Protein backbone atom coordinates (compact mmCIF):
# COMPACT_ATOMS: atom_id res chain seq x y z
CA MET A 1 23.22 -19.16 19.15
CA THR A 2 26.92 -19.78 19.44
CA ALA A 3 29.55 -20.51 16.83
CA ASN A 4 29.44 -24.17 17.87
CA THR A 5 25.73 -24.48 17.15
CA VAL A 6 25.74 -22.80 13.74
CA ASP A 7 24.98 -25.40 11.07
CA VAL A 8 27.57 -24.38 8.48
CA THR A 9 26.33 -26.96 5.96
CA THR A 10 22.79 -25.58 6.06
CA VAL A 11 23.94 -21.96 5.85
CA ARG A 12 26.20 -22.81 2.92
CA ALA A 13 23.39 -24.65 1.13
CA ILE A 14 21.05 -21.66 1.56
CA ILE A 15 23.59 -19.23 0.12
CA VAL A 16 24.53 -21.52 -2.79
CA ASP A 17 20.84 -21.99 -3.63
CA ILE A 18 19.91 -18.30 -3.47
CA LEU A 19 22.96 -17.12 -5.42
CA GLU A 20 22.58 -20.02 -7.88
CA LEU A 21 26.18 -21.16 -7.44
CA GLU A 22 27.98 -24.47 -7.66
CA ASP A 23 29.05 -25.57 -4.18
CA ASP A 24 32.75 -25.19 -4.95
CA GLU A 25 32.27 -21.58 -6.14
CA LEU A 26 31.44 -20.37 -2.62
CA THR A 27 34.40 -19.88 -0.31
CA ALA A 28 34.41 -18.48 3.20
CA THR A 29 35.68 -15.13 1.97
CA SER A 30 34.27 -14.81 -1.57
CA LEU A 31 32.08 -11.71 -1.69
CA PHE A 32 28.42 -12.17 -2.57
CA ILE A 33 28.15 -8.98 -4.64
CA GLU A 34 31.61 -8.55 -6.14
CA ASP A 35 32.47 -12.21 -6.75
CA HIS A 36 29.05 -13.78 -7.27
CA GLY A 37 26.95 -10.97 -8.75
CA ALA A 38 24.39 -10.85 -5.95
CA ASP A 39 22.19 -7.80 -5.45
CA SER A 40 20.64 -6.32 -2.32
CA LEU A 41 17.54 -8.49 -2.77
CA GLY A 42 19.78 -11.55 -2.64
CA ALA A 43 21.13 -10.43 0.72
CA ILE A 44 17.61 -9.92 2.05
CA GLU A 45 16.58 -13.35 0.79
CA ILE A 46 19.63 -14.93 2.47
CA LEU A 47 18.75 -13.19 5.74
CA SER A 48 15.10 -14.22 5.52
CA ARG A 49 15.80 -17.87 4.71
CA ILE A 50 18.43 -18.24 7.41
CA GLU A 51 16.04 -16.77 9.98
CA LYS A 52 13.26 -19.11 8.89
CA GLU A 53 15.28 -22.31 8.53
CA LEU A 54 17.49 -21.86 11.60
CA GLY A 55 14.85 -20.27 13.83
CA VAL A 56 16.88 -17.17 14.66
CA VAL A 57 16.33 -13.43 14.62
CA ILE A 58 18.96 -11.31 12.90
CA PRO A 59 18.65 -7.54 13.42
CA GLN A 60 18.05 -5.62 10.16
CA GLU A 61 21.11 -3.47 10.84
CA ASP A 62 23.24 -6.63 10.51
CA LEU A 63 22.12 -6.99 6.88
CA VAL A 64 25.04 -4.83 5.69
CA LYS A 65 27.46 -7.24 7.38
CA LEU A 66 26.30 -10.20 5.29
CA VAL A 67 28.95 -9.88 2.60
CA ASN A 68 30.38 -13.42 2.57
CA LEU A 69 29.97 -16.80 4.26
CA GLU A 70 32.46 -15.95 7.00
CA ALA A 71 30.53 -12.79 7.89
CA VAL A 72 27.18 -14.63 7.87
CA LEU A 73 28.57 -17.22 10.30
CA GLY A 74 29.88 -14.40 12.51
CA VAL A 75 26.47 -12.73 12.63
CA LEU A 76 24.80 -16.07 13.36
CA ALA A 77 27.17 -16.70 16.25
CA THR A 78 25.52 -13.79 18.07
CA ALA A 79 21.98 -14.20 16.73
CA GLU A 80 19.16 -14.88 19.13
CA ARG A 81 16.87 -17.88 18.90
CA ARG A 82 13.35 -17.05 17.85
CA GLN A 83 10.85 -17.34 20.67
CA PRO A 84 8.37 -20.21 20.20
């Protein structure tokens, strides 16, 4: 997956839904834990849903990188498509 093929709208909607935010509360750099009160289970749920809905595989070691929308998009830019 490349940065050009990442569906930012879908990723944003997933994060807003899981963190139970209003759309305008989520910025590219607002931190999931510090700014939005997420916990580690929230990060795992974000990872899981993105993998499922976008058909990608994100290595578990990248979980710690998923701290804000910008970081999620960066990880997705290098994620591999799931094999059919």
